[in-house]
């Protein structure tokens, strides 16, 4: 169960729960992929790291939207 940061605090940074879930999931996948490619283990779970990035303001909606678009383009190219 997530105690910190609280959902209401995260929603101050992101306009909706739906966008929050998409942002965190996308960033967590990217963090996991980067860690796997480099061969270095993550200090915490990828989802926890992504949530802390949202809470600190490091991960913003604009950045997440660009990453989602890039992921979708990659998926279309692979198909």
PDB file of N, CA and C in Angstrom:
ATOM      1  N   UNK A   1       0.842  -1.174   0.000  1.00  0.00           N
ATOM      2  CA  UNK A   1       0.000   0.000   0.000  1.00  0.00           C
ATOM      3  C   UNK A   1       0.889   1.240   0.000  1.00  0.00           C
ATOM      4  N   UNK A   2       0.518   2.202  -0.807  1.00  0.00           N
ATOM      5  CA  UNK A   2       1.278   3.426  -0.953  1.00  0.00           C
ATOM      6  C   UNK A   2       0.869   4.415   0.131  1.00  0.00           C
ATOM      7  N   UNK A   3       1.803   4.781   0.984  1.00  0.00           N
ATOM      8  CA  UNK A   3       1.513   5.742   2.041  1.00  0.00           C
ATOM      9  C   UNK A   3       2.053   7.122   1.697  1.00  0.00           C
ATOM     10  N   UNK A   4       3.223   7.165   1.103  1.00  0.00           N
ATOM     11  CA  UNK A   4       3.816   8.435   0.727  1.00  0.00           C
ATOM     12  C   UNK A   4       4.370   8.311  -0.669  1.00  0.00           C
ATOM     13  N   UNK A   5       4.166   9.245  -1.492  1.00  0.00           N
ATOM     14  CA  UNK A   5       3.308  10.421  -1.329  1.00  0.00           C
ATOM     15  C   UNK A   5       1.834  10.056  -1.497  1.00  0.00           C
ATOM     16  N   UNK A   6       0.993  10.828  -0.884  1.00  0.00           N
ATOM     17  CA  UNK A   6      -0.442  10.579  -0.946  1.00  0.00           C
ATOM     18  C   UNK A   6      -0.966  10.875  -2.351  1.00  0.00           C
ATOM     19  N   UNK A   7      -2.001  10.170  -2.736  1.00  0.00           N
ATOM     20  CA  UNK A   7      -2.605  10.366  -4.057  1.00  0.00           C
ATOM     21  C   UNK A   7      -3.019  11.820  -4.252  1.00  0.00           C
ATOM     22  N   UNK A   8      -3.583  12.426  -3.225  1.00  0.00           N
ATOM     23  CA  UNK A   8      -4.024  13.816  -3.388  1.00  0.00           C
ATOM     24  C   UNK A   8      -2.840  14.742  -3.665  1.00  0.00           C
ATOM     25  N   UNK A   9      -1.672  14.425  -3.111  1.00  0.00           N
ATOM     26  CA  UNK A   9      -0.478  15.222  -3.391  1.00  0.00           C
ATOM     27  C   UNK A   9      -0.005  15.011  -4.826  1.00  0.00           C
ATOM     28  N   UNK A  10      -0.085  13.782  -5.289  1.00  0.00           N
ATOM     29  CA  UNK A  10       0.302  13.488  -6.669  1.00  0.00           C
ATOM     30  C   UNK A  10      -0.640  14.148  -7.664  1.00  0.00           C
ATOM     31  N   UNK A  11      -1.914  14.216  -7.312  1.00  0.00           N
ATOM     32  CA  UNK A  11      -2.895  14.828  -8.209  1.00  0.00           C
ATOM     33  C   UNK A  11      -2.744  16.339  -8.294  1.00  0.00           C
ATOM     34  N   UNK A  12      -1.952  16.926  -7.406  1.00  0.00           N
ATOM     35  CA  UNK A  12      -1.624  18.350  -7.541  1.00  0.00           C
ATOM     36  C   UNK A  12      -0.666  18.559  -8.712  1.00  0.00           C
ATOM     37  N   UNK A  13       0.085  17.521  -9.054  1.00  0.00           N
ATOM     38  CA  UNK A  13       1.052  17.585 -10.144  1.00  0.00           C
ATOM     39  C   UNK A  13       0.478  17.123 -11.481  1.00  0.00           C
ATOM     40  N   UNK A  14      -0.565  16.294 -11.430  1.00  0.00           N
ATOM     41  CA  UNK A  14      -1.138  15.660 -12.623  1.00  0.00           C
ATOM     42  C   UNK A  14      -2.639  15.918 -12.631  1.00  0.00           C
ATOM     43  N   UNK A  15      -3.221  16.212 -13.793  1.00  0.00           N
ATOM     44  CA  UNK A  15      -4.632  16.590 -13.834  1.00  0.00           C
ATOM     45  C   UNK A  15      -5.640  15.480 -13.513  1.00  0.00           C
ATOM     46  N   UNK A  16      -5.285  14.212 -13.722  1.00  0.00           N
ATOM     47  CA  UNK A  16      -6.259  13.151 -13.463  1.00  0.00           C
ATOM     48  C   UNK A  16      -5.564  11.875 -13.017  1.00  0.00           C
ATOM     49  N   UNK A  17      -6.333  11.001 -12.380  1.00  0.00           N
ATOM     50  CA  UNK A  17      -5.792   9.708 -11.949  1.00  0.00           C
ATOM     51  C   UNK A  17      -5.375   8.871 -13.149  1.00  0.00           C
ATOM     52  N   UNK A  18      -6.155   8.947 -14.209  1.00  0.00           N
ATOM     53  CA  UNK A  18      -5.847   8.189 -15.413  1.00  0.00           C
ATOM     54  C   UNK A  18      -4.472   8.584 -15.951  1.00  0.00           C
ATOM     55  N   UNK A  19      -4.230   9.875 -16.048  1.00  0.00           N
ATOM     56  CA  UNK A  19      -2.938  10.362 -16.539  1.00  0.00           C
ATOM     57  C   UNK A  19      -1.813   9.966 -15.583  1.00  0.00           C
ATOM     58  N   UNK A  20      -2.087  10.014 -14.299  1.00  0.00           N
ATOM     59  CA  UNK A  20      -1.086   9.620 -13.302  1.00  0.00           C
ATOM     60  C   UNK A  20      -0.680   8.162 -13.496  1.00  0.00           C
ATOM     61  N   UNK A  21      -1.651   7.286 -13.658  1.00  0.00           N
ATOM     62  CA  UNK A  21      -1.366   5.863 -13.846  1.00  0.00           C
ATOM     63  C   UNK A  21      -0.552   5.649 -15.120  1.00  0.00           C
ATOM     64  N   UNK A  22      -0.947   6.320 -16.202  1.00  0.00           N
ATOM     65  CA  UNK A  22      -0.219   6.170 -17.459  1.00  0.00           C
ATOM     66  C   UNK A  22       1.208   6.691 -17.357  1.00  0.00           C
ATOM     67  N   UNK A  23       1.376   7.836 -16.711  1.00  0.00           N
ATOM     68  CA  UNK A  23       2.708   8.411 -16.552  1.00  0.00           C
ATOM     69  C   UNK A  23       3.615   7.489 -15.751  1.00  0.00           C
ATOM     70  N   UNK A  24       3.122   7.028 -14.625  1.00  0.00           N
ATOM     71  CA  UNK A  24       3.924   6.183 -13.744  1.00  0.00           C
ATOM     72  C   UNK A  24       4.250   4.855 -14.422  1.00  0.00           C
ATOM     73  N   UNK A  25       3.282   4.257 -15.075  1.00  0.00           N
ATOM     74  CA  UNK A  25       3.520   2.973 -15.740  1.00  0.00           C
ATOM     75  C   UNK A  25       4.549   3.112 -16.861  1.00  0.00           C
ATOM     76  N   UNK A  26       4.409   4.155 -17.652  1.00  0.00           N
ATOM     77  CA  UNK A  26       5.333   4.374 -18.751  1.00  0.00           C
ATOM     78  C   UNK A  26       6.752   4.609 -18.246  1.00  0.00           C
ATOM     79  N   UNK A  27       6.882   5.444 -17.248  1.00  0.00           N
ATOM     80  CA  UNK A  27       8.209   5.747 -16.697  1.00  0.00           C
ATOM     81  C   UNK A  27       8.816   4.514 -16.024  1.00  0.00           C
ATOM     82  N   UNK A  28       7.999   3.741 -15.333  1.00  0.00           N
ATOM     83  CA  UNK A  28       8.486   2.535 -14.664  1.00  0.00           C
ATOM     84  C   UNK A  28       9.007   1.529 -15.697  1.00  0.00           C
ATOM     85  N   UNK A  29       8.299   1.380 -16.814  1.00  0.00           N
ATOM     86  CA  UNK A  29       8.775   0.485 -17.877  1.00  0.00           C
ATOM     87  C   UNK A  29      10.112   0.955 -18.424  1.00  0.00           C
ATOM     88  N   UNK A  30      10.236   2.268 -18.605  1.00  0.00           N
ATOM     89  CA  UNK A  30      11.484   2.812 -19.133  1.00  0.00           C
ATOM     90  C   UNK A  30      12.627   2.610 -18.139  1.00  0.00           C
ATOM     91  N   UNK A  31      12.381   2.860 -16.867  1.00  0.00           N
ATOM     92  CA  UNK A  31      13.413   2.656 -15.845  1.00  0.00           C
ATOM     93  C   UNK A  31      13.846   1.191 -15.795  1.00  0.00           C
ATOM     94  N   UNK A  32      12.903   0.287 -15.847  1.00  0.00           N
ATOM     95  CA  UNK A  32      13.219  -1.147 -15.821  1.00  0.00           C
ATOM     96  C   UNK A  32      14.041  -1.549 -17.034  1.00  0.00           C
ATOM     97  N   UNK A  33      13.654  -1.052 -18.176  1.00  0.00           N
ATOM     98  CA  UNK A  33      14.361  -1.371 -19.409  1.00  0.00           C
ATOM     99  C   UNK A  33      15.796  -0.846 -19.370  1.00  0.00           C
ATOM    100  N   UNK A  34      15.960   0.387 -18.923  1.00  0.00           N
ATOM    101  CA  UNK A  34      17.300   0.973 -18.828  1.00  0.00           C
ATOM    102  C   UNK A  34      18.169   0.211 -17.843  1.00  0.00           C
ATOM    103  N   UNK A  35      17.596  -0.199 -16.720  1.00  0.00           N
ATOM    104  CA  UNK A  35      18.355  -0.952 -15.722  1.00  0.00           C
ATOM    105  C   UNK A  35      18.756  -2.317 -16.272  1.00  0.00           C
ATOM    106  N   UNK A  36      17.861  -2.945 -17.005  1.00  0.00           N
ATOM    107  CA  UNK A  36      18.159  -4.255 -17.573  1.00  0.00           C
ATOM    108  C   UNK A  36      19.263  -4.159 -18.621  1.00  0.00           C
ATOM    109  N   UNK A  37      19.205  -3.121 -19.450  1.00  0.00           N
ATOM    110  CA  UNK A  37      20.216  -2.948 -20.497  1.00  0.00           C
ATOM    111  C   UNK A  37      21.590  -2.644 -19.911  1.00  0.00           C
ATOM    112  N   UNK A  38      21.618  -1.854 -18.833  1.00  0.00           N
ATOM    113  CA  UNK A  38      22.898  -1.491 -18.228  1.00  0.00           C
ATOM    114  C   UNK A  38      23.426  -2.584 -17.299  1.00  0.00           C
ATOM    115  N   UNK A  39      22.546  -3.481 -16.872  1.00  0.00           N
ATOM    116  CA  UNK A  39      22.952  -4.560 -15.984  1.00  0.00           C
ATOM    117  C   UNK A  39      23.075  -4.147 -14.535  1.00  0.00           C
ATOM    118  N   UNK A  40      22.597  -2.955 -14.219  1.00  0.00           N
ATOM    119  CA  UNK A  40      22.643  -2.463 -12.837  1.00  0.00           C
ATOM    120  C   UNK A  40      21.269  -2.613 -12.190  1.00  0.00           C
ATOM    121  N   UNK A  41      21.223  -3.134 -10.979  1.00  0.00           N
ATOM    122  CA  UNK A  41      19.923  -3.274 -10.301  1.00  0.00           C
ATOM    123  C   UNK A  41      19.397  -1.915  -9.830  1.00  0.00           C
ATOM    124  N   UNK A  42      18.083  -1.803  -9.770  1.00  0.00           N
ATOM    125  CA  UNK A  42      17.453  -0.582  -9.265  1.00  0.00           C
ATOM    126  C   UNK A  42      17.500  -0.568  -7.747  1.00  0.00           C
ATOM    127  N   UNK A  43      17.611   0.627  -7.172  1.00  0.00           N
ATOM    128  CA  UNK A  43      17.639   0.775  -5.717  1.00  0.00           C
ATOM    129  C   UNK A  43      16.288   0.434  -5.103  1.00  0.00           C
ATOM    130  N   UNK A  44      15.228   0.827  -5.795  1.00  0.00           N
ATOM    131  CA  UNK A  44      13.849   0.558  -5.367  1.00  0.00           C
ATOM    132  C   UNK A  44      13.108  -0.021  -6.552  1.00  0.00           C
ATOM    133  N   UNK A  45      11.856  -0.370  -6.335  1.00  0.00           N
ATOM    134  CA  UNK A  45      11.036  -0.841  -7.447  1.00  0.00           C
ATOM    135  C   UNK A  45      10.826   0.320  -8.416  1.00  0.00           C
ATOM    136  N   UNK A  46      10.718  -0.026  -9.694  1.00  0.00           N
ATOM    137  CA  UNK A  46      10.592   0.988 -10.742  1.00  0.00           C
ATOM    138  C   UNK A  46       9.361   1.870 -10.541  1.00  0.00           C
ATOM    139  N   UNK A  47       8.263   1.285 -10.099  1.00  0.00           N
ATOM    140  CA  UNK A  47       7.040   2.067  -9.873  1.00  0.00           C
ATOM    141  C   UNK A  47       7.253   3.076  -8.754  1.00  0.00           C
ATOM    142  N   UNK A  48       7.928   2.674  -7.690  1.00  0.00           N
ATOM    143  CA  UNK A  48       8.204   3.594  -6.580  1.00  0.00           C
ATOM    144  C   UNK A  48       9.073   4.754  -7.041  1.00  0.00           C
ATOM    145  N   UNK A  49      10.082   4.455  -7.846  1.00  0.00           N
ATOM    146  CA  UNK A  49      10.952   5.514  -8.364  1.00  0.00           C
ATOM    147  C   UNK A  49      10.163   6.492  -9.225  1.00  0.00           C
ATOM    148  N   UNK A  50       9.283   5.959 -10.081  1.00  0.00           N
ATOM    149  CA  UNK A  50       8.475   6.816 -10.949  1.00  0.00           C
ATOM    150  C   UNK A  50       7.522   7.687 -10.134  1.00  0.00           C
ATOM    151  N   UNK A  51       6.933   7.131  -9.107  1.00  0.00           N
ATOM    152  CA  UNK A  51       6.020   7.907  -8.258  1.00  0.00           C
ATOM    153  C   UNK A  51       6.770   9.038  -7.561  1.00  0.00           C
ATOM    154  N   UNK A  52       7.961   8.749  -7.082  1.00  0.00           N
ATOM    155  CA  UNK A  52       8.756   9.793  -6.425  1.00  0.00           C
ATOM    156  C   UNK A  52       9.174  10.886  -7.418  1.00  0.00           C
ATOM    157  N   UNK A  53       9.385  10.504  -8.666  1.00  0.00           N
ATOM    158  CA  UNK A  53       9.692  11.511  -9.682  1.00  0.00           C
ATOM    159  C   UNK A  53       8.499  12.441  -9.912  1.00  0.00           C
ATOM    160  N   UNK A  54       7.301  11.890  -9.919  1.00  0.00           N
ATOM    161  CA  UNK A  54       6.104  12.727 -10.076  1.00  0.00           C
ATOM    162  C   UNK A  54       5.969  13.652  -8.866  1.00  0.00           C
ATOM    163  N   UNK A  55       6.139  13.113  -7.680  1.00  0.00           N
ATOM    164  CA  UNK A  55       5.975  13.896  -6.453  1.00  0.00           C
ATOM    165  C   UNK A  55       6.988  15.038  -6.370  1.00  0.00           C
ATOM    166  N   UNK A  56       8.198  14.789  -6.838  1.00  0.00           N
ATOM    167  CA  UNK A  56       9.235  15.818  -6.760  1.00  0.00           C
ATOM    168  C   UNK A  56       9.149  16.820  -7.904  1.00  0.00           C
ATOM    169  N   UNK A  57       8.341  16.526  -8.907  1.00  0.00           N
ATOM    170  CA  UNK A  57       8.209  17.426 -10.051  1.00  0.00           C
ATOM    171  C   UNK A  57       9.212  17.132 -11.150  1.00  0.00           C
ATOM    172  N   UNK A  58      10.013  16.093 -10.977  1.00  0.00           N
ATOM    173  CA  UNK A  58      10.990  15.716 -11.996  1.00  0.00           C
ATOM    174  C   UNK A  58      10.306  15.188 -13.245  1.00  0.00           C
ATOM    175  N   UNK A  59       9.258  14.417 -13.059  1.00  0.00           N
ATOM    176  CA  UNK A  59       8.469  13.881 -14.168  1.00  0.00           C
ATOM    177  C   UNK A  59       7.208  14.721 -14.294  1.00  0.00           C
ATOM    178  N   UNK A  60       7.075  15.399 -15.436  1.00  0.00           N
ATOM    179  CA  UNK A  60       5.929  16.280 -15.658  1.00  0.00           C
ATOM    180  C   UNK A  60       5.027  15.708 -16.743  1.00  0.00           C
ATOM    181  N   UNK A  61       3.832  16.222 -16.811  1.00  0.00           N
ATOM    182  CA  UNK A  61       2.833  15.740 -17.771  1.00  0.00           C
ATOM    183  C   UNK A  61       3.350  15.890 -19.198  1.00  0.00           C
ATOM    184  N   UNK A  62       3.951  17.020 -19.518  1.00  0.00           N
ATOM    185  CA  UNK A  62       4.436  17.266 -20.867  1.00  0.00           C
ATOM    186  C   UNK A  62       5.487  16.231 -21.271  1.00  0.00           C
ATOM    187  N   UNK A  63       6.402  15.943 -20.351  1.00  0.00           N
ATOM    188  CA  UNK A  63       7.446  14.957 -20.626  1.00  0.00           C
ATOM    189  C   UNK A  63       6.846  13.570 -20.823  1.00  0.00           C
ATOM    190  N   UNK A  64       5.888  13.229 -19.987  1.00  0.00           N
ATOM    191  CA  UNK A  64       5.255  11.916 -20.064  1.00  0.00           C
ATOM    192  C   UNK A  64       4.495  11.759 -21.377  1.00  0.00           C
ATOM    193  N   UNK A  65       3.831  12.801 -21.827  1.00  0.00           N
ATOM    194  CA  UNK A  65       3.092  12.725 -23.088  1.00  0.00           C
ATOM    195  C   UNK A  65       4.047  12.478 -24.247  1.00  0.00           C
ATOM    196  N   UNK A  66       5.199  13.132 -24.230  1.00  0.00           N
ATOM    197  CA  UNK A  66       6.194  12.919 -25.286  1.00  0.00           C
ATOM    198  C   UNK A  66       6.726  11.489 -25.257  1.00  0.00           C
ATOM    199  N   UNK A  67       6.963  10.959 -24.066  1.00  0.00           N
ATOM    200  CA  UNK A  67       7.450   9.589 -23.942  1.00  0.00           C
ATOM    201  C   UNK A  67       6.404   8.590 -24.433  1.00  0.00           C
ATOM    202  N   UNK A  68       5.128   8.835 -24.094  1.00  0.00           N
ATOM    203  CA  UNK A  68       4.058   7.940 -24.547  1.00  0.00           C
ATOM    204  C   UNK A  68       3.961   7.933 -26.071  1.00  0.00           C
ATOM    205  N   UNK A  69       4.086   9.101 -26.686  1.00  0.00           N
ATOM    206  CA  UNK A  69       4.035   9.182 -28.141  1.00  0.00           C
ATOM    207  C   UNK A  69       5.207   8.430 -28.761  1.00  0.00           C
ATOM    208  N   UNK A  70       6.391   8.566 -28.173  1.00  0.00           N
ATOM    209  CA  UNK A  70       7.571   7.862 -28.688  1.00  0.00           C
ATOM    210  C   UNK A  70       7.395   6.351 -28.560  1.00  0.00           C
ATOM    211  N   UNK A  71       6.840   5.891 -27.448  1.00  0.00           N
ATOM    212  CA  UNK A  71       6.586   4.457 -27.259  1.00  0.00           C
ATOM    213  C   UNK A  71       5.605   3.941 -28.299  1.00  0.00           C
ATOM    214  N   UNK A  72       4.562   4.699 -28.560  1.00  0.00           N
ATOM    215  CA  UNK A  72       3.559   4.276 -29.532  1.00  0.00           C
ATOM    216  C   UNK A  72       4.164   4.194 -30.935  1.00  0.00           C
ATOM    217  N   UNK A  73       5.034   5.135 -31.281  1.00  0.00           N
ATOM    218  CA  UNK A  73       5.685   5.104 -32.583  1.00  0.00           C
ATOM    219  C   UNK A  73       6.573   3.876 -32.700  1.00  0.00           C
ATOM    220  N   UNK A  74       7.309   3.543 -31.642  1.00  0.00           N
ATOM    221  CA  UNK A  74       8.170   2.368 -31.656  1.00  0.00           C
ATOM    222  C   UNK A  74       7.364   1.092 -31.820  1.00  0.00           C
ATOM    223  N   UNK A  75       6.227   1.017 -31.141  1.00  0.00           N
ATOM    224  CA  UNK A  75       5.376  -0.164 -31.242  1.00  0.00           C
ATOM    225  C   UNK A  75       4.825  -0.309 -32.662  1.00  0.00           C
ATOM    226  N   UNK A  76       4.469   0.795 -33.287  1.00  0.00           N
ATOM    227  CA  UNK A  76       3.948   0.747 -34.643  1.00  0.00           C
ATOM    228  C   UNK A  76       5.036   0.328 -35.632  1.00  0.00           C
ATOM    229  N   UNK A  77       6.269   0.768 -35.400  1.00  0.00           N
ATOM    230  CA  UNK A  77       7.367   0.396 -36.280  1.00  0.00           C
ATOM    231  C   UNK A  77       7.684  -1.085 -36.160  1.00  0.00           C
ATOM    232  N   UNK A  78       7.551  -1.643 -34.967  1.00  0.00           N
ATOM    233  CA  UNK A  78       7.856  -3.055 -34.738  1.00  0.00           C
ATOM    234  C   UNK A  78       6.769  -3.963 -35.300  1.00  0.00           C
ATOM    235  N   UNK A  79       5.568  -3.435 -35.426  1.00  0.00           N
ATOM    236  CA  UNK A  79       4.443  -4.264 -35.902  1.00  0.00           C
ATOM    237  C   UNK A  79       4.476  -4.468 -37.393  1.00  0.00           C
TER     238      UNK A  79
END
